[in-house]
């Protein structure tokens, strides 16, 4: 089975160097990947947004002086003299310790 041939006789030296260089190149690519490519933005969507913004700016001239409020609008059923946090704590305590006079 063994014919006594060495790798030098089976595979030429140029081919072995070429394969070694390719393996080294693949390892370097794996260690230093190229930068990630960003997802391209749809231009038509950007133009539609700009049109919408320009229409909003035309409608409200006084909005430039006062910035728009972000977030959820405040509830209309506020109790005078108490903050929302205090009301939440009070309601939680009532739920937990209901009917304090009967205890």
N, C-alpha and C. Protein backbone atom coordinates (compact mmCIF):
# COMPACT_ATOMS: atom_id res chain seq x y z
N UNK A 1 0.81 -1.17 0.00
CA UNK A 1 0.00 0.00 0.00
C UNK A 1 0.86 1.25 0.00
N UNK A 2 1.80 1.30 0.88
CA UNK A 2 2.68 2.46 0.92
C UNK A 2 3.73 2.32 -0.17
N UNK A 3 3.73 3.28 -1.03
CA UNK A 3 4.69 3.21 -2.12
C UNK A 3 5.97 3.95 -1.80
N UNK A 4 6.00 4.61 -0.66
CA UNK A 4 7.21 5.29 -0.24
C UNK A 4 7.38 6.67 -0.84
N UNK A 5 6.33 7.21 -1.44
CA UNK A 5 6.43 8.54 -2.02
C UNK A 5 6.16 9.58 -0.93
N UNK A 6 6.82 10.71 -0.98
CA UNK A 6 6.59 11.80 -0.03
C UNK A 6 5.62 12.80 -0.64
N UNK A 7 5.16 13.72 0.18
CA UNK A 7 4.23 14.75 -0.29
C UNK A 7 4.88 15.64 -1.35
N UNK A 8 6.16 15.81 -1.26
CA UNK A 8 6.86 16.63 -2.25
C UNK A 8 6.74 16.03 -3.65
N UNK A 9 6.74 14.71 -3.72
CA UNK A 9 6.65 14.05 -5.02
C UNK A 9 5.20 14.00 -5.51
N UNK A 10 4.23 13.93 -4.57
CA UNK A 10 2.83 13.80 -4.97
C UNK A 10 2.26 15.15 -5.38
N UNK A 11 2.43 16.16 -4.53
CA UNK A 11 1.89 17.50 -4.78
C UNK A 11 3.07 18.44 -5.02
N UNK A 12 3.06 19.16 -6.13
CA UNK A 12 4.16 20.09 -6.41
C UNK A 12 4.24 21.20 -5.35
N UNK A 13 5.42 21.71 -5.14
CA UNK A 13 5.65 22.72 -4.11
C UNK A 13 4.87 24.00 -4.37
N UNK A 14 4.71 24.38 -5.62
CA UNK A 14 3.96 25.59 -5.96
C UNK A 14 2.50 25.45 -5.55
N UNK A 15 1.93 24.29 -5.78
CA UNK A 15 0.53 24.07 -5.40
C UNK A 15 0.36 24.11 -3.88
N UNK A 16 1.30 23.54 -3.14
CA UNK A 16 1.21 23.55 -1.68
C UNK A 16 1.31 24.97 -1.14
N UNK A 17 2.22 25.78 -1.70
CA UNK A 17 2.33 27.18 -1.26
C UNK A 17 1.07 27.97 -1.60
N UNK A 18 0.51 27.67 -2.78
CA UNK A 18 -0.71 28.36 -3.18
C UNK A 18 -1.86 28.03 -2.23
N UNK A 19 -1.99 26.77 -1.85
CA UNK A 19 -3.04 26.35 -0.92
C UNK A 19 -2.81 26.96 0.46
N UNK A 20 -1.56 26.97 0.92
CA UNK A 20 -1.23 27.58 2.23
C UNK A 20 -1.57 29.06 2.23
N UNK A 21 -1.27 29.75 1.14
CA UNK A 21 -1.56 31.19 1.05
C UNK A 21 -3.08 31.43 1.07
N UNK A 22 -3.84 30.57 0.38
CA UNK A 22 -5.29 30.72 0.37
C UNK A 22 -5.88 30.49 1.77
N UNK A 23 -5.36 29.49 2.48
CA UNK A 23 -5.83 29.23 3.84
C UNK A 23 -5.51 30.40 4.76
N UNK A 24 -4.31 30.95 4.63
CA UNK A 24 -3.92 32.11 5.45
C UNK A 24 -4.81 33.30 5.14
N UNK A 25 -5.10 33.50 3.87
CA UNK A 25 -5.97 34.61 3.46
C UNK A 25 -7.38 34.44 4.04
N UNK A 26 -7.91 33.22 4.00
CA UNK A 26 -9.23 32.96 4.57
C UNK A 26 -9.25 33.22 6.08
N UNK A 27 -8.19 32.84 6.77
CA UNK A 27 -8.11 33.07 8.21
C UNK A 27 -8.05 34.57 8.52
N UNK A 28 -7.30 35.33 7.73
CA UNK A 28 -7.23 36.77 7.93
C UNK A 28 -8.58 37.43 7.69
N UNK A 29 -9.30 36.98 6.70
CA UNK A 29 -10.63 37.53 6.43
C UNK A 29 -11.57 37.22 7.58
N UNK A 30 -11.46 36.01 8.14
CA UNK A 30 -12.32 35.64 9.27
C UNK A 30 -12.01 36.48 10.50
N UNK A 31 -10.74 36.83 10.69
CA UNK A 31 -10.37 37.65 11.85
C UNK A 31 -10.73 39.11 11.67
N UNK A 32 -10.60 39.62 10.47
CA UNK A 32 -10.88 41.03 10.18
C UNK A 32 -11.95 41.11 9.10
N UNK A 33 -13.22 40.99 9.48
CA UNK A 33 -14.27 41.04 8.47
C UNK A 33 -14.40 42.44 7.90
N UNK A 34 -14.88 42.55 6.68
CA UNK A 34 -15.08 43.87 6.07
C UNK A 34 -16.20 44.61 6.80
N UNK A 35 -16.27 45.93 6.67
CA UNK A 35 -17.33 46.68 7.35
C UNK A 35 -18.70 46.25 6.85
N UNK A 36 -19.67 46.34 7.73
CA UNK A 36 -21.03 45.94 7.38
C UNK A 36 -21.65 46.94 6.42
N UNK A 37 -22.40 46.44 5.50
CA UNK A 37 -23.06 47.34 4.56
C UNK A 37 -24.41 47.74 5.14
N UNK A 38 -24.73 49.02 5.04
CA UNK A 38 -25.99 49.52 5.58
C UNK A 38 -27.12 49.23 4.62
N UNK A 39 -28.27 49.13 5.18
CA UNK A 39 -29.47 48.91 4.39
C UNK A 39 -29.78 50.21 3.65
N UNK A 40 -30.08 50.12 2.37
CA UNK A 40 -30.37 51.33 1.62
C UNK A 40 -31.75 51.85 1.99
N UNK A 41 -31.87 53.15 2.08
CA UNK A 41 -33.12 53.79 2.47
C UNK A 41 -33.93 54.07 1.21
N UNK A 42 -35.21 53.82 1.30
CA UNK A 42 -36.10 54.06 0.18
C UNK A 42 -36.27 55.56 -0.02
N UNK A 43 -35.87 56.06 -1.16
CA UNK A 43 -35.92 57.51 -1.42
C UNK A 43 -37.36 58.03 -1.49
N UNK A 44 -38.26 57.26 -2.01
CA UNK A 44 -39.64 57.74 -2.15
C UNK A 44 -40.26 57.96 -0.78
N UNK A 45 -39.91 57.14 0.20
CA UNK A 45 -40.43 57.30 1.55
C UNK A 45 -39.90 58.60 2.16
N UNK A 46 -38.62 58.89 1.94
CA UNK A 46 -38.03 60.13 2.47
C UNK A 46 -38.73 61.35 1.87
N UNK A 47 -39.00 61.31 0.58
CA UNK A 47 -39.64 62.45 -0.06
C UNK A 47 -41.06 62.64 0.46
N UNK A 48 -41.76 61.54 0.70
CA UNK A 48 -43.12 61.64 1.23
C UNK A 48 -43.11 62.22 2.64
N UNK A 49 -42.12 61.82 3.45
CA UNK A 49 -42.01 62.37 4.80
C UNK A 49 -41.72 63.87 4.75
N UNK A 50 -40.87 64.28 3.84
CA UNK A 50 -40.55 65.71 3.73
C UNK A 50 -41.78 66.50 3.32
N UNK A 51 -42.57 65.95 2.40
CA UNK A 51 -43.79 66.64 2.00
C UNK A 51 -44.76 66.76 3.16
N UNK A 52 -44.86 65.68 3.94
CA UNK A 52 -45.76 65.69 5.08
C UNK A 52 -45.31 66.73 6.11
N UNK A 53 -44.00 66.79 6.33
CA UNK A 53 -43.47 67.76 7.29
C UNK A 53 -43.71 69.19 6.80
N UNK A 54 -43.51 69.41 5.51
CA UNK A 54 -43.71 70.76 5.00
C UNK A 54 -45.18 71.16 5.08
N UNK A 55 -46.09 70.22 4.89
CA UNK A 55 -47.52 70.52 5.03
C UNK A 55 -47.86 70.82 6.48
N UNK A 56 -47.26 70.10 7.42
CA UNK A 56 -47.50 70.36 8.83
C UNK A 56 -46.98 71.74 9.23
N UNK A 57 -45.84 72.13 8.69
CA UNK A 57 -45.27 73.43 9.02
C UNK A 57 -46.14 74.56 8.48
N UNK A 58 -46.76 74.35 7.32
CA UNK A 58 -47.61 75.39 6.74
C UNK A 58 -48.87 75.60 7.56
N UNK A 59 -49.40 74.54 8.14
CA UNK A 59 -50.66 74.63 8.88
C UNK A 59 -50.50 75.37 10.20
N UNK A 60 -49.43 75.14 10.91
CA UNK A 60 -49.25 75.72 12.25
C UNK A 60 -48.08 76.69 12.24
N UNK A 61 -48.40 77.98 12.13
CA UNK A 61 -47.34 78.99 12.16
C UNK A 61 -46.87 79.27 13.57
N UNK A 62 -47.77 79.15 14.56
CA UNK A 62 -47.38 79.44 15.93
C UNK A 62 -46.69 78.25 16.59
N UNK A 63 -46.68 77.10 15.94
CA UNK A 63 -46.05 75.92 16.53
C UNK A 63 -44.54 76.06 16.58
N UNK A 64 -43.98 76.96 15.77
CA UNK A 64 -42.53 77.16 15.80
C UNK A 64 -42.09 77.79 17.11
N UNK A 65 -42.95 78.61 17.70
CA UNK A 65 -42.57 79.26 18.95
C UNK A 65 -42.70 78.32 20.14
N UNK A 66 -43.67 77.40 20.10
CA UNK A 66 -43.84 76.45 21.19
C UNK A 66 -43.59 75.04 20.66
N UNK A 67 -42.67 74.30 21.26
CA UNK A 67 -42.40 72.94 20.76
C UNK A 67 -43.57 72.01 21.07
N UNK A 68 -43.73 71.01 20.24
CA UNK A 68 -44.80 70.03 20.46
C UNK A 68 -44.46 69.15 21.64
N UNK A 69 -45.47 68.78 22.39
CA UNK A 69 -45.27 67.90 23.52
C UNK A 69 -45.29 66.47 23.02
N UNK A 70 -44.37 65.67 23.52
CA UNK A 70 -44.29 64.27 23.11
C UNK A 70 -44.90 63.40 24.19
N UNK A 71 -45.30 62.22 23.78
CA UNK A 71 -45.81 61.26 24.75
C UNK A 71 -47.32 61.24 24.81
N UNK A 72 -47.79 60.52 25.80
CA UNK A 72 -49.23 60.33 25.97
C UNK A 72 -49.85 61.58 26.59
N UNK A 73 -51.00 62.02 26.09
CA UNK A 73 -51.64 63.20 26.69
C UNK A 73 -52.10 62.91 28.11
N UNK A 74 -52.12 63.93 28.93
CA UNK A 74 -52.51 63.77 30.33
C UNK A 74 -54.00 63.49 30.45
N UNK A 75 -54.34 62.76 31.49
CA UNK A 75 -55.75 62.41 31.71
C UNK A 75 -56.53 63.64 32.17
N UNK A 76 -57.79 63.71 31.78
CA UNK A 76 -58.62 64.86 32.11
C UNK A 76 -59.19 64.76 33.52
N UNK A 77 -59.19 63.57 34.11
CA UNK A 77 -59.81 63.39 35.43
C UNK A 77 -58.76 63.45 36.54
N UNK A 78 -58.10 64.58 36.66
CA UNK A 78 -57.10 64.76 37.70
C UNK A 78 -57.75 65.24 38.99
N UNK A 79 -57.19 64.88 40.12
CA UNK A 79 -57.67 65.33 41.42
C UNK A 79 -56.77 66.48 41.85
N UNK A 80 -57.38 67.58 42.21
CA UNK A 80 -56.61 68.78 42.58
C UNK A 80 -55.81 68.53 43.85
N UNK A 81 -54.56 68.94 43.84
CA UNK A 81 -53.71 68.84 45.03
C UNK A 81 -52.93 67.54 45.13
N UNK A 82 -53.13 66.59 44.23
CA UNK A 82 -52.41 65.32 44.27
C UNK A 82 -51.77 65.04 42.92
N UNK A 83 -50.60 64.46 42.95
CA UNK A 83 -49.94 64.07 41.71
C UNK A 83 -50.42 62.68 41.31
N UNK A 84 -50.13 62.30 40.09
CA UNK A 84 -50.53 60.98 39.60
C UNK A 84 -49.88 59.88 40.43
N UNK A 85 -48.63 60.08 40.81
CA UNK A 85 -47.93 59.07 41.61
C UNK A 85 -48.60 58.88 42.96
N UNK A 86 -48.97 59.98 43.60
CA UNK A 86 -49.64 59.88 44.90
C UNK A 86 -50.99 59.17 44.77
N UNK A 87 -51.73 59.49 43.71
CA UNK A 87 -53.02 58.83 43.49
C UNK A 87 -52.85 57.33 43.27
N UNK A 88 -51.84 56.95 42.48
CA UNK A 88 -51.60 55.53 42.22
C UNK A 88 -51.27 54.79 43.52
N UNK A 89 -50.44 55.39 44.35
CA UNK A 89 -50.08 54.76 45.63
C UNK A 89 -51.29 54.64 46.55
N UNK A 90 -52.13 55.67 46.56
CA UNK A 90 -53.32 55.65 47.40
C UNK A 90 -54.28 54.54 46.95
N UNK A 91 -54.51 54.43 45.65
CA UNK A 91 -55.41 53.41 45.13
C UNK A 91 -54.85 52.01 45.38
N UNK A 92 -53.54 51.87 45.27
CA UNK A 92 -52.93 50.57 45.53
C UNK A 92 -53.11 50.17 46.99
N UNK A 93 -52.96 51.13 47.90
CA UNK A 93 -53.13 50.82 49.32
C UNK A 93 -54.58 50.48 49.64
N UNK A 94 -55.53 51.14 48.97
CA UNK A 94 -56.95 50.82 49.19
C UNK A 94 -57.25 49.40 48.71
N UNK A 95 -56.70 49.04 47.56
CA UNK A 95 -56.92 47.68 47.04
C UNK A 95 -56.31 46.63 47.97
N UNK A 96 -55.17 46.95 48.54
CA UNK A 96 -54.48 45.98 49.39
C UNK A 96 -55.13 45.89 50.77
N UNK A 97 -55.48 47.02 51.34
CA UNK A 97 -56.06 47.07 52.69
C UNK A 97 -57.46 47.67 52.63
N UNK A 98 -58.36 47.02 51.98
CA UNK A 98 -59.72 47.52 51.85
C UNK A 98 -60.50 47.43 53.17
N UNK A 99 -61.44 48.33 53.39
CA UNK A 99 -62.30 48.38 54.59
C UNK A 99 -61.47 48.44 55.89
N UNK A 100 -60.73 49.50 56.10
CA UNK A 100 -59.86 49.56 57.28
C UNK A 100 -60.63 49.62 58.59
N UNK A 101 -61.88 50.13 58.59
CA UNK A 101 -62.64 50.23 59.83
C UNK A 101 -63.18 48.88 60.30
N UNK A 102 -63.32 47.95 59.38
CA UNK A 102 -63.85 46.64 59.74
C UNK A 102 -62.77 45.67 60.18
N UNK A 103 -61.54 46.03 60.16
CA UNK A 103 -60.44 45.10 60.50
C UNK A 103 -60.30 44.99 61.99
